[in-house]
Amino acid sequence: MNALAYVALGIHIICSIGLIIFVLLHSGKGTGLSSMLGGAMPTSGSGTGIIEKNLDRITISFAAGYALSALILVVTYRPGA
């Protein structure tokens, strides 16, 4: 395996753990981190708070990193070589 495959594998693992954590932090039907920490905070026009929007951005970033590292692994990873 070359160095790029090792880096992509490390990023893939970090992104997968991050996705698990941040998906579990999202609220569902009025519960979750956003209502627990930001219950008194005013919401924007779309109905979600600042904390929930930041959770969305972080989750999307981890998902994009996961997808990109998966594509890099498909191209570079050669088992047993």
C-alpha atoms as a PDB file:
ATOM      1  CA  MET A   1       0.000   0.000   0.000  1.00  0.00           C
ATOM      2  CA  ASN A   2       1.309   3.438  -0.802  1.00  0.00           C
ATOM      3  CA  ALA A   3       1.321   6.485   1.474  1.00  0.00           C
ATOM      4  CA  LEU A   4      -1.783   8.026  -0.125  1.00  0.00           C
ATOM      5  CA  ALA A   5      -3.810   4.940   0.705  1.00  0.00           C
ATOM      6  CA  TYR A   6      -2.696   5.103   4.358  1.00  0.00           C
ATOM      7  CA  VAL A   7      -3.659   8.779   4.588  1.00  0.00           C
ATOM      8  CA  ALA A   8      -7.004   8.128   2.911  1.00  0.00           C
ATOM      9  CA  LEU A   9      -7.660   5.208   5.264  1.00  0.00           C
ATOM     10  CA  GLY A  10      -6.916   7.403   8.289  1.00  0.00           C
ATOM     11  CA  ILE A  11      -9.243  10.134   7.026  1.00  0.00           C
ATOM     12  CA  HIS A  12     -11.884   7.511   6.265  1.00  0.00           C
ATOM     13  CA  ILE A  13     -11.776   6.165   9.826  1.00  0.00           C
ATOM     14  CA  ILE A  14     -11.894   9.645  11.388  1.00  0.00           C
ATOM     15  CA  CYS A  15     -14.812  10.677   9.182  1.00  0.00           C
ATOM     16  CA  SER A  16     -16.758   7.507   9.926  1.00  0.00           C
ATOM     17  CA  ILE A  17     -16.425   8.019  13.690  1.00  0.00           C
ATOM     18  CA  GLY A  18     -17.300  11.700  13.285  1.00  0.00           C
ATOM     19  CA  LEU A  19     -20.391  10.842  11.260  1.00  0.00           C
ATOM     20  CA  ILE A  20     -21.607   8.444  13.928  1.00  0.00           C
ATOM     21  CA  ILE A  21     -21.123  11.016  16.682  1.00  0.00           C
ATOM     22  CA  PHE A  22     -22.659  13.990  14.886  1.00  0.00           C
ATOM     23  CA  VAL A  23     -25.636  12.082  13.497  1.00  0.00           C
ATOM     24  CA  LEU A  24     -26.435  10.939  17.028  1.00  0.00           C
ATOM     25  CA  LEU A  25     -26.223  14.551  18.255  1.00  0.00           C
ATOM     26  CA  HIS A  26     -28.926  15.703  15.822  1.00  0.00           C
ATOM     27  CA  SER A  27     -32.353  16.338  17.214  1.00  0.00           C
ATOM     28  CA  GLY A  28     -35.363  14.293  16.353  1.00  0.00           C
ATOM     29  CA  LYS A  29     -38.901  15.565  16.918  1.00  0.00           C
ATOM     30  CA  GLY A  30     -37.907  18.388  19.260  1.00  0.00           C
ATOM     31  CA  THR A  31     -35.276  16.566  21.290  1.00  0.00           C
ATOM     32  CA  GLY A  32     -31.523  16.395  21.067  1.00  0.00           C
ATOM     33  CA  LEU A  33     -28.572  18.666  21.553  1.00  0.00           C
ATOM     34  CA  SER A  34     -30.119  21.740  19.959  1.00  0.00           C
ATOM     35  CA  SER A  35     -33.128  21.775  22.260  1.00  0.00           C
ATOM     36  CA  MET A  36     -31.092  20.789  25.302  1.00  0.00           C
ATOM     37  CA  LEU A  37     -28.462  23.524  24.953  1.00  0.00           C
ATOM     38  CA  GLY A  38     -30.274  26.123  22.897  1.00  0.00           C
ATOM     39  CA  GLY A  39     -33.820  25.914  24.173  1.00  0.00           C
ATOM     40  CA  ALA A  40     -33.896  29.582  25.166  1.00  0.00           C
ATOM     41  CA  MET A  41     -32.176  30.777  21.999  1.00  0.00           C
ATOM     42  CA  PRO A  42     -34.349  32.306  19.297  1.00  0.00           C
ATOM     43  CA  THR A  43     -34.680  30.344  16.101  1.00  0.00           C
ATOM     44  CA  SER A  44     -34.181  31.653  12.610  1.00  0.00           C
ATOM     45  CA  GLY A  45     -36.763  31.813   9.821  1.00  0.00           C
ATOM     46  CA  SER A  46     -36.296  28.181   8.857  1.00  0.00           C
ATOM     47  CA  GLY A  47     -37.162  26.938  12.341  1.00  0.00           C
ATOM     48  CA  THR A  48     -33.766  25.579  13.335  1.00  0.00           C
ATOM     49  CA  GLY A  49     -31.377  27.126  15.809  1.00  0.00           C
ATOM     50  CA  ILE A  50     -27.784  28.133  15.436  1.00  0.00           C
ATOM     51  CA  ILE A  51     -26.529  24.972  17.109  1.00  0.00           C
ATOM     52  CA  GLU A  52     -28.560  22.768  14.785  1.00  0.00           C
ATOM     53  CA  LYS A  53     -27.264  24.602  11.704  1.00  0.00           C
ATOM     54  CA  ASN A  54     -23.682  24.137  12.876  1.00  0.00           C
ATOM     55  CA  LEU A  55     -24.357  20.439  13.496  1.00  0.00           C
ATOM     56  CA  ASP A  56     -25.687  20.205   9.943  1.00  0.00           C
ATOM     57  CA  ARG A  57     -22.560  21.845   8.521  1.00  0.00           C
ATOM     58  CA  ILE A  58     -20.215  19.622  10.525  1.00  0.00           C
ATOM     59  CA  THR A  59     -22.144  16.480   9.548  1.00  0.00           C
ATOM     60  CA  ILE A  60     -22.085  17.443   5.868  1.00  0.00           C
ATOM     61  CA  SER A  61     -18.333  18.080   6.097  1.00  0.00           C
ATOM     62  CA  PHE A  62     -17.716  14.661   7.615  1.00  0.00           C
ATOM     63  CA  ALA A  63     -19.935  13.034   4.957  1.00  0.00           C
ATOM     64  CA  ALA A  64     -18.041  14.779   2.153  1.00  0.00           C
ATOM     65  CA  GLY A  65     -14.703  13.709   3.646  1.00  0.00           C
ATOM     66  CA  TYR A  66     -15.968  10.155   3.993  1.00  0.00           C
ATOM     67  CA  ALA A  67     -17.129  10.033   0.366  1.00  0.00           C
ATOM     68  CA  LEU A  68     -13.912  11.580  -0.951  1.00  0.00           C
ATOM     69  CA  SER A  69     -11.709   9.236   1.057  1.00  0.00           C
ATOM     70  CA  ALA A  70     -13.794   6.269  -0.133  1.00  0.00           C
ATOM     71  CA  LEU A  71     -13.210   7.284  -3.754  1.00  0.00           C
ATOM     72  CA  ILE A  72      -9.475   7.697  -3.134  1.00  0.00           C
ATOM     73  CA  LEU A  73      -9.352   4.272  -1.477  1.00  0.00           C
ATOM     74  CA  VAL A  74     -11.128   2.661  -4.440  1.00  0.00           C
ATOM     75  CA  VAL A  75      -8.442   4.003  -6.757  1.00  0.00           C
ATOM     76  CA  THR A  76      -5.317   3.534  -4.606  1.00  0.00           C
ATOM     77  CA  TYR A  77      -5.914   0.561  -2.294  1.00  0.00           C
ATOM     78  CA  ARG A  78      -4.467  -2.729  -3.498  1.00  0.00           C
ATOM     79  CA  PRO A  79      -4.782  -5.487  -0.866  1.00  0.00           C
ATOM     80  CA  GLY A  80      -1.779  -7.753  -0.600  1.00  0.00           C
ATOM     81  CA  ALA A  81       0.395  -5.584  -2.813  1.00  0.00           C
END
